[in-house]
Amino acid sequence: MTTLRADDVDRFRRDTPGTEDVIHLNNAGSALPPTQVTDTVLDYLREESVRGGYETAAAHAERIQGVYGSIARFLGADAADISVTDSATRSWQAVFYAMRFQPGDRILTCRSEYASNAIAYLQVARRTGALVEVVEDDASGQLDVADLERRVDDRVKLIAITHVPTQGGLVNPAEEVGAIAERAGIPFLLDACQSAGQLDLDVRRLRCDALSGTGRKYVRGPRGTGFLYVHPRLRERIEPAMLDLHSATWTAPDRYEVAPDGRRFETWERNYGLVLGLGAAVDYAMAVGLPAIEERVTALAARLRADLSQVPGVTVHDQGRRRCGIVTFSVAGIDAAEVKNHLSAATINTSTTHAESYQYDQEVRRLPAMVRSSVHYYNTEDELRTLVETVEKLT
């Protein structure tokens, strides 16, 4: 693994015009894209405006197809296993709502699960009589692998967890979960919305049956893009809840055939400029090197946690044996929204996170509303110091 040097970071910042104007520490919300991504999207849209939408797509068909290969290399997968969508949510839903549940079937998830996924579990449970069970955390705050293993039986039809939750900075032990699911023959759906792009992911190592991700967060792609990996062993067993003439072929007046590859989870219409922008972002990340990105992001976040912990009145709420680039904290006596606004006035971008996004976790931890600061490899130590000093002025 190549460790990123100061001159590497300088180069990445030159590629990222936004770093001249703001200290962007909201990468878990939406990262700043490099110029290469923005130019790819704008160049395509300009061509489309003078050439025609269908004609431009046809002219760039090979490049568009190449995006699948880029995402496959990014995840250690085959291109046939990849789908391109308009969001991580759409990707995740394409798999989850294709699953079939009966009364008494069990869905196992994690205590740090995200709201959108939990709402989907509850909706399907209400419709079908399936049961949603929350696996407990261990003493470190991550999913308790031993508790998961104890719960596995022949009524468990899905294990679905969030890899990196919106709160708490932890990285759930997805590889151990994948090993348990594989041994038991239970489908494993991994929400990698906030881990893709900051961690070095490999679906073979993770042993997941499906993985969903987004372009806008740590991948540094455009908004309105997402991707999905589905292993053939699961893909061949499920039919998507919705089909169109792209995901299936109308073979006779009374028959159709579902696409054999990842296209079955897509729809025909899409913004090809954004698709190419997603491909450019994935290629940029691969050129930087995912192990090097993970090393730098993890180190920057660890430093920020340590420095914030020294500020009187500040509580850092991160947990887990393994931690990532997300740092959540609160300031005694000051609402998280006020802290965020104070930081915004100093041109420091952060976000806030609230119990509505993590009700399972909130049952146990009773967290206050928190400020979420999420670092990326183009951030600098000086930027982190500025954030800490700005928070100090509040306390």
Protein backbone atom coordinates (compact mmCIF):
# COMPACT_ATOMS: atom_id res chain seq x y z
CA MET A 1 0.00 0.00 0.00
CA THR A 2 1.24 3.49 -0.89
CA THR A 3 0.80 6.06 1.86
CA LEU A 4 -0.46 9.41 0.56
CA ARG A 5 2.13 12.16 0.85
CA ALA A 6 1.64 15.90 1.33
CA ASP A 7 2.23 16.55 -2.37
CA ASP A 8 -0.42 13.93 -3.23
CA VAL A 9 -2.94 15.73 -1.04
CA ASP A 10 -1.99 19.05 -2.66
CA ARG A 11 -2.67 17.53 -6.07
CA PHE A 12 -6.05 16.17 -4.99
CA ARG A 13 -6.97 19.59 -3.64
CA ARG A 14 -6.00 21.25 -6.92
CA ASP A 15 -8.37 18.79 -8.60
CA THR A 16 -11.10 19.86 -6.15
CA PRO A 17 -11.98 23.55 -6.61
CA GLY A 18 -14.35 23.52 -3.65
CA THR A 19 -11.45 23.20 -1.21
CA GLU A 20 -10.49 26.81 -2.01
CA ASP A 21 -13.75 28.14 -0.57
CA VAL A 22 -14.85 25.83 2.23
CA ILE A 23 -13.57 23.34 4.75
CA HIS A 24 -15.70 20.46 3.64
CA LEU A 25 -16.28 17.98 6.46
CA ASN A 26 -19.62 16.68 5.24
CA ASN A 27 -18.32 13.87 3.06
CA ALA A 28 -20.71 11.34 4.56
CA GLY A 29 -23.47 13.59 3.24
CA SER A 30 -22.11 14.54 -0.15
CA ALA A 31 -18.40 14.90 -0.94
CA LEU A 32 -16.77 17.49 -3.18
CA PRO A 33 -16.23 15.98 -6.63
CA PRO A 34 -12.94 16.33 -8.48
CA THR A 35 -12.92 18.44 -11.64
CA GLN A 36 -12.58 15.28 -13.71
CA VAL A 37 -16.04 14.19 -12.57
CA THR A 38 -17.72 17.56 -13.07
CA ASP A 39 -16.18 18.00 -16.53
CA THR A 40 -17.30 14.51 -17.57
CA VAL A 41 -20.92 15.28 -16.70
CA LEU A 42 -20.97 18.77 -18.21
CA ASP A 43 -19.21 17.73 -21.42
CA TYR A 44 -21.76 14.97 -21.96
CA LEU A 45 -24.73 17.26 -21.28
CA ARG A 46 -23.39 19.88 -23.68
CA GLU A 47 -22.98 17.28 -26.39
CA GLU A 48 -26.43 15.91 -25.70
CA SER A 49 -27.94 19.39 -26.04
CA VAL A 50 -26.67 19.79 -29.60
CA ARG A 51 -26.57 16.20 -30.79
CA GLY A 52 -29.69 14.65 -29.28
CA GLY A 53 -30.17 12.37 -26.30
CA TYR A 54 -30.46 9.02 -28.10
CA GLU A 55 -27.71 9.89 -30.54
CA THR A 56 -25.26 10.94 -27.81
CA ALA A 57 -25.94 7.80 -25.80
CA ALA A 58 -25.32 5.67 -28.89
CA ALA A 59 -22.07 7.50 -29.62
CA HIS A 60 -20.82 6.86 -26.08
CA ALA A 61 -22.20 3.33 -25.67
CA GLU A 62 -18.76 1.83 -25.13
CA ARG A 63 -17.86 4.39 -22.43
CA ILE A 64 -21.20 3.86 -20.71
CA GLN A 65 -20.68 0.11 -20.70
CA GLY A 66 -17.21 0.68 -19.30
CA VAL A 67 -18.72 2.14 -16.12
CA TYR A 68 -19.90 -1.36 -15.17
CA GLY A 69 -16.34 -2.64 -15.49
CA SER A 70 -15.03 0.23 -13.35
CA ILE A 71 -17.53 -0.45 -10.56
CA ALA A 72 -16.80 -4.17 -10.77
CA ARG A 73 -13.07 -3.57 -10.27
CA PHE A 74 -13.89 -1.15 -7.45
CA LEU A 75 -15.77 -3.93 -5.61
CA GLY A 76 -13.82 -6.99 -6.71
CA ALA A 77 -16.80 -8.26 -8.70
CA ASP A 78 -17.72 -9.24 -12.26
CA ALA A 79 -19.28 -6.63 -14.53
CA ALA A 80 -22.35 -8.86 -15.07
CA ASP A 81 -23.07 -8.61 -11.33
CA ILE A 82 -23.29 -4.79 -11.36
CA SER A 83 -26.34 -2.56 -11.75
CA VAL A 84 -26.28 1.23 -12.09
CA THR A 85 -29.15 3.10 -10.44
CA ASP A 86 -30.04 6.61 -9.34
CA SER A 87 -29.34 6.14 -5.62
CA ALA A 88 -28.15 3.75 -2.92
CA THR A 89 -31.73 3.56 -1.66
CA ARG A 90 -33.00 2.47 -5.06
CA SER A 91 -30.24 -0.13 -5.24
CA TRP A 92 -31.00 -1.52 -1.80
CA GLN A 93 -34.76 -1.57 -2.40
CA ALA A 94 -34.33 -3.38 -5.72
CA VAL A 95 -32.98 -6.38 -3.83
CA PHE A 96 -34.98 -6.18 -0.62
CA TYR A 97 -38.39 -5.82 -2.27
CA ALA A 98 -37.56 -8.73 -4.57
CA MET A 99 -37.28 -11.04 -1.55
CA ARG A 100 -40.34 -13.10 -0.65
CA PHE A 101 -41.30 -13.49 3.00
CA GLN A 102 -43.97 -15.55 4.74
CA PRO A 103 -45.46 -15.37 8.24
CA GLY A 104 -42.83 -16.30 10.81
CA ASP A 105 -39.84 -15.65 8.52
CA ARG A 106 -37.14 -13.73 10.37
CA ILE A 107 -35.12 -10.73 9.16
CA LEU A 108 -32.01 -10.06 11.23
CA THR A 109 -30.51 -6.58 11.29
CA CYS A 110 -28.17 -4.48 13.41
CA ARG A 111 -28.90 -2.02 16.19
CA SER A 112 -27.17 0.75 14.21
CA GLU A 113 -29.44 0.21 11.18
CA TYR A 114 -30.47 3.25 9.14
CA ALA A 115 -34.03 4.60 9.06
CA SER A 116 -34.82 3.94 5.40
CA ASN A 117 -33.91 0.28 5.71
CA ALA A 118 -35.75 -0.16 9.00
CA ILE A 119 -38.90 1.39 7.56
CA ALA A 120 -38.75 -1.10 4.67
CA TYR A 121 -38.39 -4.02 7.11
CA LEU A 122 -41.40 -2.84 9.09
CA GLN A 123 -43.50 -2.33 5.97
CA VAL A 124 -42.76 -5.83 4.67
CA ALA A 125 -43.29 -7.32 8.13
CA ARG A 126 -46.72 -5.65 8.29
CA ARG A 127 -47.62 -6.96 4.84
CA THR A 128 -46.33 -10.52 5.20
CA GLY A 129 -46.15 -11.44 8.88
CA ALA A 130 -42.37 -11.69 8.81
CA LEU A 131 -40.50 -10.77 11.99
CA VAL A 132 -37.78 -8.14 12.34
CA GLU A 133 -35.12 -8.89 14.96
CA VAL A 134 -32.34 -6.57 16.07
CA VAL A 135 -29.02 -8.25 16.83
CA GLU A 136 -27.42 -6.75 19.93
CA ASP A 137 -24.13 -4.84 20.00
CA ASP A 138 -21.06 -6.11 21.81
CA ALA A 139 -19.20 -4.13 24.46
CA SER A 140 -17.39 -2.06 21.81
CA GLY A 141 -20.64 -0.92 20.19
CA GLN A 142 -20.40 -2.95 16.98
CA LEU A 143 -22.75 -5.75 15.98
CA ASP A 144 -22.25 -8.72 18.31
CA VAL A 145 -21.18 -11.55 16.02
CA ALA A 146 -21.80 -14.17 18.73
CA ASP A 147 -25.36 -12.94 19.23
CA LEU A 148 -25.94 -13.08 15.49
CA GLU A 149 -24.73 -16.65 15.32
CA ARG A 150 -26.98 -17.67 18.22
CA ARG A 151 -30.02 -16.30 16.40
CA VAL A 152 -29.45 -18.14 13.11
CA ASP A 153 -31.90 -20.93 12.33
CA ASP A 154 -33.89 -22.18 9.36
CA ARG A 155 -36.50 -19.42 9.80
CA VAL A 156 -33.96 -16.65 9.15
CA LYS A 157 -34.48 -15.64 5.52
CA LEU A 158 -32.31 -12.50 5.39
CA ILE A 159 -29.43 -10.88 7.24
CA ALA A 160 -29.24 -7.19 6.34
CA ILE A 161 -27.03 -4.60 8.03
CA THR A 162 -25.52 -1.18 7.48
CA HIS A 163 -21.75 -1.37 7.15
CA VAL A 164 -21.03 2.19 8.35
CA PRO A 165 -24.00 3.78 10.14
CA THR A 166 -24.96 7.43 9.94
CA GLN A 167 -24.08 7.86 13.62
CA GLY A 168 -21.25 6.69 15.85
CA GLY A 169 -18.25 6.38 13.52
CA LEU A 170 -18.10 2.59 13.74
CA VAL A 171 -17.50 0.00 11.04
CA ASN A 172 -19.66 -3.06 11.59
CA PRO A 173 -17.89 -6.45 11.22
CA ALA A 174 -19.30 -7.22 7.79
CA GLU A 175 -16.75 -9.91 6.94
CA GLU A 176 -17.65 -11.94 10.03
CA VAL A 177 -21.34 -11.47 9.26
CA GLY A 178 -20.75 -12.63 5.70
CA ALA A 179 -18.99 -15.77 6.90
CA ILE A 180 -21.91 -16.67 9.18
CA ALA A 181 -24.48 -16.01 6.45
CA GLU A 182 -22.55 -18.04 3.89
CA ARG A 183 -22.22 -21.05 6.21
CA ALA A 184 -25.94 -20.96 6.95
CA GLY A 185 -26.98 -20.35 3.34
CA ILE A 186 -28.82 -17.14 4.29
CA PRO A 187 -28.81 -14.14 1.90
CA PHE A 188 -26.69 -11.26 3.21
CA LEU A 189 -27.57 -7.71 2.08
CA LEU A 190 -24.97 -5.08 2.95
CA ASP A 191 -25.70 -1.35 2.88
CA ALA A 192 -22.33 0.14 1.93
CA CYS A 193 -23.71 3.63 1.29
CA GLN A 194 -21.15 5.27 3.61
CA SER A 195 -18.32 2.75 3.43
CA ALA A 196 -17.86 2.65 -0.35
CA GLY A 197 -15.14 5.13 -1.26
CA GLN A 198 -13.63 5.48 2.20
CA LEU A 199 -12.93 1.79 2.89
CA ASP A 200 -11.29 -0.81 0.68
CA LEU A 201 -14.23 -3.07 -0.16
CA ASP A 202 -14.08 -6.48 -1.81
CA VAL A 203 -17.30 -8.47 -2.16
CA ARG A 204 -15.35 -11.73 -2.22
CA ARG A 205 -13.87 -10.93 1.17
CA LEU A 206 -17.18 -9.61 2.48
CA ARG A 207 -19.04 -12.68 1.20
CA CYS A 208 -22.20 -10.63 0.75
CA ASP A 209 -24.95 -11.67 -1.63
CA ALA A 210 -25.78 -8.04 -2.39
CA LEU A 211 -24.17 -4.66 -1.73
CA SER A 212 -25.65 -1.21 -2.36
CA GLY A 213 -23.77 2.07 -2.67
CA THR A 214 -24.09 5.69 -3.74
CA GLY A 215 -22.02 8.00 -5.89
CA ARG A 216 -22.47 11.23 -3.97
CA LYS A 217 -20.76 10.35 -0.68
CA TYR A 218 -17.21 9.03 -0.31
CA VAL A 219 -17.02 7.92 -3.94
CA ARG A 220 -17.08 11.65 -4.86
CA GLY A 221 -19.47 11.16 -7.75
CA PRO A 222 -22.53 13.20 -8.78
CA ARG A 223 -25.80 13.15 -6.89
CA GLY A 224 -28.49 11.00 -8.45
CA THR A 225 -26.20 7.99 -8.94
CA GLY A 226 -26.03 4.63 -7.21
CA PHE A 227 -24.77 1.13 -7.83
CA LEU A 228 -25.64 -2.40 -6.83
CA TYR A 229 -23.77 -5.69 -6.70
CA VAL A 230 -25.75 -8.95 -6.61
CA HIS A 231 -24.07 -12.36 -6.58
CA PRO A 232 -25.46 -14.83 -9.15
CA ARG A 233 -26.52 -17.20 -6.34
CA LEU A 234 -29.04 -14.61 -5.18
CA ARG A 235 -29.78 -12.94 -8.50
CA GLU A 236 -30.98 -16.20 -10.03
CA ARG A 237 -33.40 -16.79 -7.11
CA ILE A 238 -35.24 -13.47 -7.08
CA GLU A 239 -37.33 -11.49 -9.52
CA PRO A 240 -37.45 -7.71 -9.05
CA ALA A 241 -40.71 -6.23 -7.82
CA MET A 242 -40.83 -3.96 -10.89
CA LEU A 243 -39.73 -4.68 -14.46
CA ASP A 244 -39.64 -2.78 -17.72
CA LEU A 245 -38.38 -3.35 -21.26
CA HIS A 246 -34.78 -2.89 -20.10
CA SER A 247 -34.84 -5.28 -17.14
CA ALA A 248 -36.89 -7.86 -19.06
CA THR A 249 -37.78 -8.84 -22.63
CA TRP A 250 -41.36 -9.30 -23.85
CA THR A 251 -40.91 -12.56 -25.74
CA ALA A 252 -44.54 -13.34 -26.64
CA PRO A 253 -47.96 -11.80 -25.98
CA ASP A 254 -48.21 -13.78 -22.71
CA ARG A 255 -44.55 -14.22 -21.75
CA TYR A 256 -41.46 -12.28 -20.72
CA GLU A 257 -37.91 -13.12 -19.71
CA VAL A 258 -36.01 -11.30 -17.00
CA ALA A 259 -32.50 -10.12 -17.92
CA PRO A 260 -29.94 -12.65 -16.70
CA ASP A 261 -27.42 -10.08 -15.44
CA GLY A 262 -27.47 -6.92 -13.34
CA ARG A 263 -29.75 -5.17 -15.82
CA ARG A 264 -32.70 -6.90 -14.15
CA PHE A 265 -32.42 -4.39 -11.29
CA GLU A 266 -32.28 -1.33 -13.55
CA THR A 267 -34.82 0.67 -15.51
CA TRP A 268 -34.44 1.91 -19.07
CA GLU A 269 -34.39 5.68 -18.52
CA ARG A 270 -31.33 7.26 -16.93
CA ASN A 271 -29.11 10.33 -17.02
CA TYR A 272 -26.11 9.07 -18.96
CA GLY A 273 -24.08 12.15 -18.11
CA LEU A 274 -24.39 11.24 -14.43
CA VAL A 275 -23.60 7.59 -15.18
CA LEU A 276 -20.35 8.62 -16.87
CA GLY A 277 -19.66 10.98 -13.96
CA LEU A 278 -20.04 8.06 -11.56
CA GLY A 279 -17.60 6.06 -13.66
CA ALA A 280 -15.12 8.94 -13.62
CA ALA A 281 -15.39 9.16 -9.83
CA VAL A 282 -14.80 5.43 -9.39
CA ASP A 283 -11.81 5.57 -11.74
CA TYR A 284 -10.39 8.55 -9.81
CA ALA A 285 -10.71 6.70 -6.51
CA MET A 286 -9.05 3.62 -7.98
CA ALA A 287 -6.17 5.76 -9.25
CA VAL A 288 -5.67 7.22 -5.77
CA GLY A 289 -5.84 3.73 -4.30
CA LEU A 290 -8.52 2.49 -1.93
CA PRO A 291 -6.09 1.14 0.71
CA ALA A 292 -4.32 4.52 0.75
CA ILE A 293 -7.66 6.35 1.00
CA GLU A 294 -8.76 4.17 3.91
CA GLU A 295 -5.47 4.70 5.72
CA ARG A 296 -5.58 8.49 5.45
CA VAL A 297 -9.29 8.86 6.20
CA THR A 298 -9.02 6.65 9.27
CA ALA A 299 -5.97 8.51 10.56
CA LEU A 300 -7.51 11.96 10.06
CA ALA A 301 -10.69 10.93 11.85
CA ALA A 302 -8.75 9.43 14.76
CA ARG A 303 -6.85 12.68 15.17
CA LEU A 304 -10.06 14.72 15.06
CA ARG A 305 -11.68 12.50 17.72
CA ALA A 306 -8.68 12.86 19.97
CA ASP A 307 -8.54 16.65 19.60
CA LEU A 308 -12.27 17.17 20.10
CA SER A 309 -12.18 14.96 23.19
CA GLN A 310 -9.80 17.44 24.80
CA VAL A 311 -12.23 20.35 24.45
CA PRO A 312 -14.18 21.01 27.68
CA GLY A 313 -17.89 20.35 27.25
CA VAL A 314 -17.46 18.29 24.08
CA THR A 315 -18.46 14.61 24.02
CA VAL A 316 -17.42 12.39 21.13
CA HIS A 317 -19.99 9.62 20.63
CA ASP A 318 -18.13 7.27 18.29
CA GLN A 319 -17.81 3.59 19.13
CA GLY A 320 -16.79 0.23 17.69
CA ARG A 321 -13.56 -1.75 17.53
CA ARG A 322 -12.92 -0.40 14.05
CA ARG A 323 -13.72 3.21 13.25
CA CYS A 324 -13.98 5.19 10.05
CA GLY A 325 -14.04 8.76 8.76
CA ILE A 326 -17.23 9.80 10.53
CA VAL A 327 -16.85 11.70 13.81
CA THR A 328 -19.99 12.51 15.84
CA PHE A 329 -19.97 14.84 18.81
CA SER A 330 -22.13 17.09 20.96
CA VAL A 331 -21.44 20.26 22.94
CA ALA A 332 -22.92 20.49 26.44
CA GLY A 333 -25.76 22.99 26.64
CA ILE A 334 -25.71 23.87 22.94
CA ASP A 335 -28.06 22.36 20.36
CA ALA A 336 -26.39 20.49 17.51
CA ALA A 337 -28.07 22.73 14.93
CA GLU A 338 -26.59 25.80 16.61
CA VAL A 339 -23.12 24.23 16.58
CA LYS A 340 -23.52 23.39 12.90
CA ASN A 341 -24.63 26.95 12.10
CA HIS A 342 -21.66 28.34 14.03
CA LEU A 343 -19.33 26.15 11.98
CA SER A 344 -21.09 27.13 8.75
CA ALA A 345 -20.47 30.79 9.55
CA ALA A 346 -16.78 29.91 9.61
CA THR A 347 -17.17 28.18 6.19
CA ILE A 348 -16.88 24.71 7.74
CA ASN A 349 -19.39 22.23 6.32
CA THR A 350 -20.76 19.58 8.70
CA SER A 351 -24.17 18.03 9.26
CA THR A 352 -26.35 16.93 12.16
CA THR A 353 -27.82 13.56 12.95
CA HIS A 354 -30.90 12.82 15.02
CA ALA A 355 -32.67 9.89 16.68
CA GLU A 356 -35.20 9.63 13.84
CA SER A 357 -32.42 8.11 11.75
CA TYR A 358 -31.38 5.41 14.23
CA GLN A 359 -34.29 4.40 16.47
CA TYR A 360 -32.92 0.93 17.26
CA ASP A 361 -29.67 2.47 18.51
CA GLN A 362 -31.51 5.23 20.34
CA GLU A 363 -33.42 2.66 22.39
CA VAL A 364 -30.16 1.77 24.12
CA ARG A 365 -27.83 4.77 23.85
CA ARG A 366 -30.24 7.70 24.33
CA LEU A 367 -28.04 9.96 22.25
CA PRO A 368 -28.53 13.71 21.96
CA ALA A 369 -28.74 15.32 18.54
CA MET A 370 -25.16 15.27 17.28
CA VAL A 371 -22.89 17.17 14.93
CA ARG A 372 -21.43 14.85 12.30
CA SER A 373 -18.04 15.75 10.87
CA SER A 374 -16.87 13.39 8.15
CA VAL A 375 -13.34 13.66 6.76
CA HIS A 376 -11.94 12.63 3.39
CA TYR A 377 -8.45 12.17 2.02
CA TYR A 378 -8.38 15.67 0.53
CA ASN A 379 -8.90 17.26 3.95
CA THR A 380 -5.87 18.56 5.82
CA GLU A 381 -4.69 18.60 9.41
CA ASP A 382 -4.98 22.40 9.37
CA GLU A 383 -8.66 22.15 8.43
CA LEU A 384 -9.31 19.81 11.34
CA ARG A 385 -7.47 22.18 13.67
CA THR A 386 -9.70 25.01 12.49
CA LEU A 387 -12.81 23.00 13.26
CA VAL A 388 -11.59 22.19 16.78
CA GLU A 389 -10.65 25.81 17.46
CA THR A 390 -14.03 27.01 16.21
CA VAL A 391 -15.82 24.57 18.51
CA GLU A 392 -13.61 25.72 21.40
CA LYS A 393 -14.84 29.29 20.92
CA LEU A 394 -18.39 28.06 21.52
CA THR A 395 -17.51 26.32 24.77
